[in-house]
Amino acid sequence: MCIAADGYIDLSDVRMVHTPGYQDHGREPVPEEEANGFLLSHSFRGHRRLVRPLSLQERKRIRLAPWADSVSERMTLVDRVWRSVTGRVDSAPAQRPPS
């Protein structure tokens, strides 16, 4: 990485520049049961329910969550996965037919 005379980083050297975002270079996914347990232990119960299983990429994101630099970063990873695999639950109670 080269720093120019004006103090800015010289981005013309592409060898050391990494774009921000999710990097999954060689990360193994978490086993499905462990990923579901971690996801459910870090989410709020009630208004959403699981509608599909976790994909391979989502399980890799769960692998990164415990190693996040801050609680905010960890919860952002968990929240993105949680919202992608869950659906809203109607707040109206189910009506039963009279017996």
PDB file of N, CA and C in Angstrom:
ATOM      1  N   MET A   1       0.858  -1.171   0.000  1.00  0.00           N
ATOM      2  CA  MET A   1       0.000   0.000   0.000  1.00  0.00           C
ATOM      3  C   MET A   1       0.900   1.229   0.000  1.00  0.00           C
ATOM      4  N   CYS A   2       0.560   2.158  -0.843  1.00  0.00           N
ATOM      5  CA  CYS A   2       1.351   3.377  -0.981  1.00  0.00           C
ATOM      6  C   CYS A   2       0.497   4.566  -0.558  1.00  0.00           C
ATOM      7  N   ILE A   3       1.069   5.439   0.258  1.00  0.00           N
ATOM      8  CA  ILE A   3       0.361   6.645   0.687  1.00  0.00           C
ATOM      9  C   ILE A   3       0.957   7.825  -0.065  1.00  0.00           C
ATOM     10  N   ALA A   4       0.101   8.567  -0.723  1.00  0.00           N
ATOM     11  CA  ALA A   4       0.539   9.711  -1.519  1.00  0.00           C
ATOM     12  C   ALA A   4       0.996  10.849  -0.613  1.00  0.00           C
ATOM     13  N   ALA A   5       1.637  11.841  -1.216  1.00  0.00           N
ATOM     14  CA  ALA A   5       2.168  12.978  -0.467  1.00  0.00           C
ATOM     15  C   ALA A   5       1.070  13.774   0.231  1.00  0.00           C
ATOM     16  N   ASP A   6      -0.157  13.755  -0.323  1.00  0.00           N
ATOM     17  CA  ASP A   6      -1.243  14.500   0.301  1.00  0.00           C
ATOM     18  C   ASP A   6      -1.922  13.711   1.427  1.00  0.00           C
ATOM     19  N   GLY A   7      -1.437  12.506   1.732  1.00  0.00           N
ATOM     20  CA  GLY A   7      -1.969  11.730   2.848  1.00  0.00           C
ATOM     21  C   GLY A   7      -3.022  10.713   2.473  1.00  0.00           C
ATOM     22  N   TYR A   8      -3.456  10.686   1.226  1.00  0.00           N
ATOM     23  CA  TYR A   8      -4.467   9.725   0.805  1.00  0.00           C
ATOM     24  C   TYR A   8      -3.812   8.423   0.348  1.00  0.00           C
ATOM     25  N   ILE A   9      -4.535   7.347   0.451  1.00  0.00           N
ATOM     26  CA  ILE A   9      -4.028   6.049   0.015  1.00  0.00           C
ATOM     27  C   ILE A   9      -4.080   5.981  -1.501  1.00  0.00           C
ATOM     28  N   ASP A  10      -3.004   5.515  -2.091  1.00  0.00           N
ATOM     29  CA  ASP A  10      -2.937   5.348  -3.540  1.00  0.00           C
ATOM     30  C   ASP A  10      -3.634   4.046  -3.908  1.00  0.00           C
ATOM     31  N   LEU A  11      -4.798   4.147  -4.515  1.00  0.00           N
ATOM     32  CA  LEU A  11      -5.596   2.973  -4.852  1.00  0.00           C
ATOM     33  C   LEU A  11      -5.204   2.347  -6.186  1.00  0.00           C
ATOM     34  N   SER A  12      -4.203   2.880  -6.851  1.00  0.00           N
ATOM     35  CA  SER A  12      -3.785   2.290  -8.118  1.00  0.00           C
ATOM     36  C   SER A  12      -3.042   0.976  -7.898  1.00  0.00           C
ATOM     37  N   ASP A  13      -2.540   0.730  -6.701  1.00  0.00           N
ATOM     38  CA  ASP A  13      -1.896  -0.539  -6.367  1.00  0.00           C
ATOM     39  C   ASP A  13      -2.984  -1.498  -5.900  1.00  0.00           C
ATOM     40  N   VAL A  14      -3.428  -2.394  -6.784  1.00  0.00           N
ATOM     41  CA  VAL A  14      -4.573  -3.263  -6.491  1.00  0.00           C
ATOM     42  C   VAL A  14      -4.194  -4.511  -5.698  1.00  0.00           C
ATOM     43  N   ARG A  15      -2.917  -4.721  -5.440  1.00  0.00           N
ATOM     44  CA  ARG A  15      -2.523  -5.927  -4.723  1.00  0.00           C
ATOM     45  C   ARG A  15      -3.019  -5.946  -3.284  1.00  0.00           C
ATOM     46  N   MET A  16      -3.082  -4.824  -2.626  1.00  0.00           N
ATOM     47  CA  MET A  16      -3.421  -4.781  -1.207  1.00  0.00           C
ATOM     48  C   MET A  16      -4.796  -4.202  -0.913  1.00  0.00           C
ATOM     49  N   VAL A  17      -5.542  -3.818  -1.922  1.00  0.00           N
ATOM     50  CA  VAL A  17      -6.838  -3.191  -1.698  1.00  0.00           C
ATOM     51  C   VAL A  17      -7.912  -4.263  -1.654  1.00  0.00           C
ATOM     52  N   HIS A  18      -8.664  -4.307  -0.563  1.00  0.00           N
ATOM     53  CA  HIS A  18      -9.785  -5.226  -0.419  1.00  0.00           C
ATOM     54  C   HIS A  18     -11.060  -4.402  -0.324  1.00  0.00           C
ATOM     55  N   THR A  19     -12.063  -4.830  -1.032  1.00  0.00           N
ATOM     56  CA  THR A  19     -13.328  -4.124  -0.944  1.00  0.00           C
ATOM     57  C   THR A  19     -14.013  -4.523   0.352  1.00  0.00           C
ATOM     58  N   PRO A  20     -14.752  -3.609   0.971  1.00  0.00           N
ATOM     59  CA  PRO A  20     -15.461  -3.970   2.198  1.00  0.00           C
ATOM     60  C   PRO A  20     -16.602  -4.922   1.882  1.00  0.00           C
ATOM     61  N   GLY A  21     -16.982  -5.693   2.854  1.00  0.00           N
ATOM     62  CA  GLY A  21     -18.093  -6.608   2.662  1.00  0.00           C
ATOM     63  C   GLY A  21     -17.739  -8.016   3.074  1.00  0.00           C
ATOM     64  N   TYR A  22     -18.587  -8.908   2.698  1.00  0.00           N
ATOM     65  CA  TYR A  22     -18.474 -10.306   3.109  1.00  0.00           C
ATOM     66  C   TYR A  22     -17.398 -11.010   2.298  1.00  0.00           C
ATOM     67  N   GLN A  23     -16.414 -11.573   2.979  1.00  0.00           N
ATOM     68  CA  GLN A  23     -15.341 -12.327   2.334  1.00  0.00           C
ATOM     69  C   GLN A  23     -15.412 -13.757   2.856  1.00  0.00           C
ATOM     70  N   ASP A  24     -15.588 -14.736   1.993  1.00  0.00           N
ATOM     71  CA  ASP A  24     -15.682 -16.126   2.467  1.00  0.00           C
ATOM     72  C   ASP A  24     -14.584 -16.985   1.864  1.00  0.00           C
ATOM     73  N   HIS A  25     -13.376 -16.491   1.875  1.00  0.00           N
ATOM     74  CA  HIS A  25     -12.260 -17.235   1.307  1.00  0.00           C
ATOM     75  C   HIS A  25     -11.942 -18.447   2.173  1.00  0.00           C
ATOM     76  N   GLY A  26     -12.354 -19.619   1.730  1.00  0.00           N
ATOM     77  CA  GLY A  26     -12.008 -20.852   2.416  1.00  0.00           C
ATOM     78  C   GLY A  26     -12.715 -21.091   3.731  1.00  0.00           C
ATOM     79  N   ARG A  27     -13.794 -20.421   4.017  1.00  0.00           N
ATOM     80  CA  ARG A  27     -14.529 -20.647   5.253  1.00  0.00           C
ATOM     81  C   ARG A  27     -15.432 -21.872   5.096  1.00  0.00           C
ATOM     82  N   GLU A  28     -15.360 -22.756   6.062  1.00  0.00           N
ATOM     83  CA  GLU A  28     -16.256 -23.909   6.077  1.00  0.00           C
ATOM     84  C   GLU A  28     -17.574 -23.488   6.719  1.00  0.00           C
ATOM     85  N   PRO A  29     -18.697 -23.969   6.210  1.00  0.00           N
ATOM     86  CA  PRO A  29     -19.978 -23.605   6.825  1.00  0.00           C
ATOM     87  C   PRO A  29     -20.161 -24.314   8.165  1.00  0.00           C
ATOM     88  N   VAL A  30     -20.941 -23.713   9.022  1.00  0.00           N
ATOM     89  CA  VAL A  30     -21.292 -24.307  10.308  1.00  0.00           C
ATOM     90  C   VAL A  30     -22.276 -25.443  10.040  1.00  0.00           C
ATOM     91  N   PRO A  31     -22.210 -26.546  10.788  1.00  0.00           N
ATOM     92  CA  PRO A  31     -23.238 -27.590  10.624  1.00  0.00           C
ATOM     93  C   PRO A  31     -24.632 -27.012  10.855  1.00  0.00           C
ATOM     94  N   GLU A  32     -25.608 -27.567  10.171  1.00  0.00           N
ATOM     95  CA  GLU A  32     -26.976 -27.025  10.188  1.00  0.00           C
ATOM     96  C   GLU A  32     -27.541 -26.890  11.607  1.00  0.00           C
ATOM     97  N   GLU A  33     -27.366 -27.910  12.444  1.00  0.00           N
ATOM     98  CA  GLU A  33     -27.925 -27.869  13.798  1.00  0.00           C
ATOM     99  C   GLU A  33     -27.272 -26.762  14.633  1.00  0.00           C
ATOM    100  N   GLU A  34     -25.955 -26.634  14.508  1.00  0.00           N
ATOM    101  CA  GLU A  34     -25.238 -25.594  15.251  1.00  0.00           C
ATOM    102  C   GLU A  34     -25.633 -24.199  14.769  1.00  0.00           C
ATOM    103  N   ALA A  35     -25.798 -24.037  13.460  1.00  0.00           N
ATOM    104  CA  ALA A  35     -26.197 -22.744  12.899  1.00  0.00           C
ATOM    105  C   ALA A  35     -27.595 -22.357  13.373  1.00  0.00           C
ATOM    106  N   ASN A  36     -28.527 -23.318  13.358  1.00  0.00           N
ATOM    107  CA  ASN A  36     -29.885 -23.030  13.831  1.00  0.00           C
ATOM    108  C   ASN A  36     -29.878 -22.677  15.312  1.00  0.00           C
ATOM    109  N   GLY A  37     -29.098 -23.395  16.111  1.00  0.00           N
ATOM    110  CA  GLY A  37     -29.013 -23.098  17.539  1.00  0.00           C
ATOM    111  C   GLY A  37     -28.462 -21.710  17.798  1.00  0.00           C
ATOM    112  N   PHE A  38     -27.391 -21.331  17.083  1.00  0.00           N
ATOM    113  CA  PHE A  38     -26.807 -19.998  17.247  1.00  0.00           C
ATOM    114  C   PHE A  38     -27.797 -18.928  16.809  1.00  0.00           C
ATOM    115  N   LEU A  39     -28.466 -19.161  15.679  1.00  0.00           N
ATOM    116  CA  LEU A  39     -29.412 -18.185  15.150  1.00  0.00           C
ATOM    117  C   LEU A  39     -30.577 -17.978  16.115  1.00  0.00           C
ATOM    118  N   LEU A  40     -31.134 -19.066  16.635  1.00  0.00           N
ATOM    119  CA  LEU A  40     -32.274 -18.956  17.543  1.00  0.00           C
ATOM    120  C   LEU A  40     -31.872 -18.375  18.899  1.00  0.00           C
ATOM    121  N   SER A  41     -30.632 -18.588  19.324  1.00  0.00           N
ATOM    122  CA  SER A  41     -30.202 -18.035  20.609  1.00  0.00           C
ATOM    123  C   SER A  41     -29.919 -16.534  20.516  1.00  0.00           C
ATOM    124  N   HIS A  42     -29.764 -15.995  19.316  1.00  0.00           N
ATOM    125  CA  HIS A  42     -29.468 -14.571  19.143  1.00  0.00           C
ATOM    126  C   HIS A  42     -30.622 -13.806  18.499  1.00  0.00           C
ATOM    127  N   SER A  43     -31.818 -14.362  18.539  1.00  0.00           N
ATOM    128  CA  SER A  43     -32.956 -13.691  17.904  1.00  0.00           C
ATOM    129  C   SER A  43     -34.099 -13.569  18.908  1.00  0.00           C
ATOM    130  N   PHE A  44     -35.064 -12.733  18.567  1.00  0.00           N
ATOM    131  CA  PHE A  44     -36.224 -12.537  19.419  1.00  0.00           C
ATOM    132  C   PHE A  44     -37.335 -13.487  18.995  1.00  0.00           C
ATOM    133  N   ARG A  45     -37.983 -14.067  19.971  1.00  0.00           N
ATOM    134  CA  ARG A  45     -39.081 -14.983  19.670  1.00  0.00           C
ATOM    135  C   ARG A  45     -40.364 -14.215  19.403  1.00  0.00           C
ATOM    136  N   GLY A  46     -41.273 -14.854  18.670  1.00  0.00           N
ATOM    137  CA  GLY A  46     -42.606 -14.294  18.570  1.00  0.00           C
ATOM    138  C   GLY A  46     -43.092 -13.943  17.194  1.00  0.00           C
ATOM    139  N   HIS A  47     -42.605 -12.868  16.620  1.00  0.00           N
ATOM    140  CA  HIS A  47     -43.243 -12.290  15.449  1.00  0.00           C
ATOM    141  C   HIS A  47     -42.819 -12.891  14.116  1.00  0.00           C
ATOM    142  N   ARG A  48     -41.818 -13.779  14.117  1.00  0.00           N
ATOM    143  CA  ARG A  48     -41.359 -14.381  12.866  1.00  0.00           C
ATOM    144  C   ARG A  48     -41.157 -15.870  13.084  1.00  0.00           C
ATOM    145  N   ARG A  49     -41.257 -16.649  11.998  1.00  0.00           N
ATOM    146  CA  ARG A  49     -41.005 -18.086  12.092  1.00  0.00           C
ATOM    147  C   ARG A  49     -40.158 -18.529  10.917  1.00  0.00           C
ATOM    148  N   LEU A  50     -39.413 -19.606  11.095  1.00  0.00           N
ATOM    149  CA  LEU A  50     -38.561 -20.137  10.030  1.00  0.00           C
ATOM    150  C   LEU A  50     -39.436 -20.655   8.894  1.00  0.00           C
ATOM    151  N   VAL A  51     -39.102 -20.250   7.670  1.00  0.00           N
ATOM    152  CA  VAL A  51     -39.885 -20.692   6.513  1.00  0.00           C
ATOM    153  C   VAL A  51     -39.070 -21.539   5.537  1.00  0.00           C
ATOM    154  N   ARG A  52     -37.753 -21.568   5.710  1.00  0.00           N
ATOM    155  CA  ARG A  52     -36.904 -22.390   4.846  1.00  0.00           C
ATOM    156  C   ARG A  52     -35.599 -22.697   5.557  1.00  0.00           C
ATOM    157  N   PRO A  53     -34.904 -23.753   5.136  1.00  0.00           N
ATOM    158  CA  PRO A  53     -33.619 -24.083   5.777  1.00  0.00           C
ATOM    159  C   PRO A  53     -32.535 -23.085   5.389  1.00  0.00           C
ATOM    160  N   LEU A  54     -31.468 -23.063   6.168  1.00  0.00           N
ATOM    161  CA  LEU A  54     -30.342 -22.171   5.906  1.00  0.00           C
ATOM    162  C   LEU A  54     -29.562 -22.646   4.685  1.00  0.00           C
ATOM    163  N   SER A  55     -29.158 -21.711   3.839  1.00  0.00           N
ATOM    164  CA  SER A  55     -28.332 -22.049   2.675  1.00  0.00           C
ATOM    165  C   SER A  55     -26.865 -22.148   3.115  1.00  0.00           C
ATOM    166  N   LEU A  56     -26.027 -22.614   2.206  1.00  0.00           N
ATOM    167  CA  LEU A  56     -24.602 -22.754   2.483  1.00  0.00           C
ATOM    168  C   LEU A  56     -23.971 -21.390   2.798  1.00  0.00           C
ATOM    169  N   GLN A  57     -24.302 -20.353   2.022  1.00  0.00           N
ATOM    170  CA  GLN A  57     -23.753 -19.011   2.255  1.00  0.00           C
ATOM    171  C   GLN A  57     -24.200 -18.445   3.602  1.00  0.00           C
ATOM    172  N   GLU A  58     -25.444 -18.699   3.986  1.00  0.00           N
ATOM    173  CA  GLU A  58     -25.940 -18.207   5.274  1.00  0.00           C
ATOM    174  C   GLU A  58     -25.237 -18.910   6.436  1.00  0.00           C
ATOM    175  N   ARG A  59     -24.964 -20.193   6.274  1.00  0.00           N
ATOM    176  CA  ARG A  59     -24.231 -20.917   7.318  1.00  0.00           C
ATOM    177  C   ARG A  59     -22.794 -20.426   7.428  1.00  0.00           C
ATOM    178  N   LYS A  60     -22.202 -19.972   6.315  1.00  0.00           N
ATOM    179  CA  LYS A  60     -20.862 -19.382   6.368  1.00  0.00           C
ATOM    180  C   LYS A  60     -20.900 -18.042   7.106  1.00  0.00           C
ATOM    181  N   ARG A  61     -21.966 -17.279   6.919  1.00  0.00           N
ATOM    182  CA  ARG A  61     -22.095 -16.006   7.635  1.00  0.00           C
ATOM    183  C   ARG A  61     -22.245 -16.234   9.136  1.00  0.00           C
ATOM    184  N   ILE A  62     -22.970 -17.296   9.499  1.00  0.00           N
ATOM    185  CA  ILE A  62     -23.104 -17.642  10.912  1.00  0.00           C
ATOM    186  C   ILE A  62     -21.736 -18.005  11.485  1.00  0.00           C
ATOM    187  N   ARG A  63     -20.877 -18.631  10.689  1.00  0.00           N
ATOM    188  CA  ARG A  63     -19.512 -18.966  11.128  1.00  0.00           C
ATOM    189  C   ARG A  63     -18.737 -17.691  11.479  1.00  0.00           C
ATOM    190  N   LEU A  64     -18.956 -16.605  10.743  1.00  0.00           N
ATOM    191  CA  LEU A  64     -18.238 -15.350  10.986  1.00  0.00           C
ATOM    192  C   LEU A  64     -18.783 -14.574  12.183  1.00  0.00           C
ATOM    193  N   ALA A  65     -20.038 -14.772  12.528  1.00  0.00           N
ATOM    194  CA  ALA A  65     -20.688 -13.948  13.553  1.00  0.00           C
ATOM    195  C   ALA A  65     -19.992 -13.979  14.916  1.00  0.00           C
ATOM    196  N   PRO A  66     -19.613 -15.128  15.472  1.00  0.00           N
ATOM    197  CA  PRO A  66     -18.967 -15.091  16.794  1.00  0.00           C
ATOM    198  C   PRO A  66     -17.624 -14.358  16.790  1.00  0.00           C
ATOM    199  N   TRP A  67     -16.996 -14.229  15.639  1.00  0.00           N
ATOM    200  CA  TRP A  67     -15.688 -13.592  15.550  1.00  0.00           C
ATOM    201  C   TRP A  67     -15.785 -12.126  15.136  1.00  0.00           C
ATOM    202  N   ALA A  68     -16.972 -11.574  15.102  1.00  0.00           N
ATOM    203  CA  ALA A  68     -17.153 -10.174  14.712  1.00  0.00           C
ATOM    204  C   ALA A  68     -16.459  -9.256  15.717  1.00  0.00           C
ATOM    205  N   ASP A  69     -16.020  -8.106  15.239  1.00  0.00           N
ATOM    206  CA  ASP A  69     -15.283  -7.155  16.082  1.00  0.00           C
ATOM    207  C   ASP A  69     -16.147  -6.476  17.131  1.00  0.00           C
ATOM    208  N   SER A  70     -17.437  -6.358  16.871  1.00  0.00           N
ATOM    209  CA  SER A  70     -18.309  -5.676  17.818  1.00  0.00           C
ATOM    210  C   SER A  70     -19.656  -6.396  17.883  1.00  0.00           C
ATOM    211  N   VAL A  71     -20.403  -6.105  18.926  1.00  0.00           N
ATOM    212  CA  VAL A  71     -21.733  -6.691  19.076  1.00  0.00           C
ATOM    213  C   VAL A  71     -22.626  -6.227  17.935  1.00  0.00           C
ATOM    214  N   SER A  72     -22.482  -4.972  17.542  1.00  0.00           N
ATOM    215  CA  SER A  72     -23.287  -4.434  16.448  1.00  0.00           C
ATOM    216  C   SER A  72     -23.032  -5.192  15.150  1.00  0.00           C
ATOM    217  N   GLU A  73     -21.774  -5.472  14.866  1.00  0.00           N
ATOM    218  CA  GLU A  73     -21.425  -6.211  13.655  1.00  0.00           C
ATOM    219  C   GLU A  73     -21.976  -7.634  13.705  1.00  0.00           C
ATOM    220  N   ARG A  74     -21.870  -8.269  14.879  1.00  0.00           N
ATOM    221  CA  ARG A  74     -22.387  -9.625  15.044  1.00  0.00           C
ATOM    222  C   ARG A  74     -23.889  -9.670  14.827  1.00  0.00           C
ATOM    223  N   MET A  75     -24.597  -8.726  15.437  1.00  0.00           N
ATOM    224  CA  MET A  75     -26.054  -8.722  15.315  1.00  0.00           C
ATOM    225  C   MET A  75     -26.495  -8.353  13.905  1.00  0.00           C
ATOM    226  N   THR A  76     -25.706  -7.577  13.176  1.00  0.00           N
ATOM    227  CA  THR A  76     -26.021  -7.272  11.786  1.00  0.00           C
ATOM    228  C   THR A  76     -25.948  -8.541  10.944  1.00  0.00           C
ATOM    229  N   LEU A  77     -24.907  -9.344  11.140  1.00  0.00           N
ATOM    230  CA  LEU A  77     -24.797 -10.611  10.416  1.00  0.00           C
ATOM    231  C   LEU A  77     -25.961 -11.534  10.749  1.00  0.00           C
ATOM    232  N   VAL A  78     -26.266 -11.663  12.042  1.00  0.00           N
ATOM    233  CA  VAL A  78     -27.349 -12.538  12.470  1.00  0.00           C
ATOM    234  C   VAL A  78     -28.689 -12.033  11.952  1.00  0.00           C
ATOM    235  N   ASP A  79     -28.911 -10.723  12.002  1.00  0.00           N
ATOM    236  CA  ASP A  79     -30.180 -10.151  11.555  1.00  0.00           C
ATOM    237  C   ASP A  79     -30.403 -10.374  10.059  1.00  0.00           C
ATOM    238  N   ARG A  80     -29.354 -10.231   9.257  1.00  0.00           N
ATOM    239  CA  ARG A  80     -29.500 -10.463   7.817  1.00  0.00           C
ATOM    240  C   ARG A  80     -29.904 -11.896   7.528  1.00  0.00           C
ATOM    241  N   VAL A  81     -29.267 -12.848   8.201  1.00  0.00           N
ATOM    242  CA  VAL A  81     -29.619 -14.256   8.001  1.00  0.00           C
ATOM    243  C   VAL A  81     -31.023 -14.514   8.518  1.00  0.00           C
ATOM    244  N   TRP A  82     -31.346 -13.991   9.697  1.00  0.00           N
ATOM    245  CA  TRP A  82     -32.660 -14.202  10.316  1.00  0.00           C
ATOM    246  C   TRP A  82     -33.781 -13.702   9.416  1.00  0.00           C
ATOM    247  N   ARG A  83     -33.637 -12.519   8.864  1.00  0.00           N
ATOM    248  CA  ARG A  83     -34.688 -11.965   8.006  1.00  0.00           C
ATOM    249  C   ARG A  83     -34.822 -12.710   6.681  1.00  0.00           C
ATOM    250  N   SER A  84     -33.744 -13.336   6.218  1.00  0.00           N
ATOM    251  CA  SER A  84     -33.826 -14.052   4.943  1.00  0.00           C
ATOM    252  C   SER A  84     -34.451 -15.440   5.085  1.00  0.00           C
ATOM    253  N   VAL A  85     -34.417 -16.038   6.281  1.00  0.00           N
ATOM    254  CA  VAL A  85     -34.957 -17.397   6.446  1.00  0.00           C
ATOM    255  C   VAL A  85     -36.268 -17.430   7.217  1.00  0.00           C
ATOM    256  N   THR A  86     -36.777 -16.278   7.627  1.00  0.00           N
ATOM    257  CA  THR A  86     -38.017 -16.248   8.390  1.00  0.00           C
ATOM    258  C   THR A  86     -39.089 -15.450   7.662  1.00  0.00           C
ATOM    259  N   GLY A  87     -40.322 -15.656   8.088  1.00  0.00           N
ATOM    260  CA  GLY A  87     -41.454 -14.910   7.550  1.00  0.00           C
ATOM    261  C   GLY A  87     -42.273 -14.341   8.691  1.00  0.00           C
ATOM    262  N   ARG A  88     -43.038 -13.315   8.392  1.00  0.00           N
ATOM    263  CA  ARG A  88     -43.857 -12.677   9.424  1.00  0.00           C
ATOM    264  C   ARG A  88     -44.984 -13.605   9.856  1.00  0.00           C
ATOM    265  N   VAL A  89     -45.350 -13.501  11.120  1.00  0.00           N
ATOM    266  CA  VAL A  89     -46.469 -14.244  11.676  1.00  0.00           C
ATOM    267  C   VAL A  89     -47.574 -13.236  11.931  1.00  0.00           C
ATOM    268  N   ASP A  90     -48.795 -13.555  11.478  1.00  0.00           N
ATOM    269  CA  ASP A  90     -49.919 -12.650  11.710  1.00  0.00           C
ATOM    270  C   ASP A  90     -50.147 -12.481  13.203  1.00  0.00           C
ATOM    271  N   SER A  91     -50.390 -11.250  13.617  1.00  0.00           N
ATOM    272  CA  SER A  91     -50.585 -10.982  15.040  1.00  0.00           C
ATOM    273  C   SER A  91     -52.007 -11.299  15.495  1.00  0.00           C
ATOM    274  N   ALA A  92     -52.943 -11.458  14.559  1.00  0.00           N
ATOM    275  CA  ALA A  92     -54.329 -11.778  14.917  1.00  0.00           C
ATOM    276  C   ALA A  92     -54.386 -13.242  15.392  1.00  0.00           C
ATOM    277  N   PRO A  93     -55.047 -13.489  16.518  1.00  0.00           N
ATOM    278  CA  PRO A  93     -55.148 -14.860  16.995  1.00  0.00           C
ATOM    279  C   PRO A  93     -56.002 -15.705  16.039  1.00  0.00           C
ATOM    280  N   ALA A  94     -55.660 -16.961  15.937  1.00  0.00           N
ATOM    281  CA  ALA A  94     -56.408 -17.862  15.066  1.00  0.00           C
ATOM    282  C   ALA A  94     -57.779 -18.103  15.664  1.00  0.00           C
ATOM    283  N   GLN A  95     -58.803 -17.976  14.839  1.00  0.00           N
ATOM    284  CA  GLN A  95     -60.162 -18.192  15.318  1.00  0.00           C
ATOM    285  C   GLN A  95     -60.548 -19.647  15.095  1.00  0.00           C
ATOM    286  N   ARG A  96     -61.087 -20.238  16.128  1.00  0.00           N
ATOM    287  CA  ARG A  96     -61.522 -21.620  16.042  1.00  0.00           C
ATOM    288  C   ARG A  96     -63.037 -21.643  15.798  1.00  0.00           C
ATOM    289  N   PRO A  97     -63.479 -22.616  15.003  1.00  0.00           N
ATOM    290  CA  PRO A  97     -64.934 -22.723  14.814  1.00  0.00           C
ATOM    291  C   PRO A  97     -65.607 -23.172  16.104  1.00  0.00           C
ATOM    292  N   PRO A  98     -66.804 -22.669  16.360  1.00  0.00           N
ATOM    293  CA  PRO A  98     -67.501 -23.061  17.591  1.00  0.00           C
ATOM    294  C   PRO A  98     -67.793 -24.564  17.584  1.00  0.00           C
ATOM    295  N   SER A  99     -67.682 -25.187  18.753  1.00  0.00           N
ATOM    296  CA  SER A  99     -67.946 -26.636  18.810  1.00  0.00           C
ATOM    297  C   SER A  99     -69.264 -26.954  19.433  1.00  0.00           C
TER     298      SER A  99
END
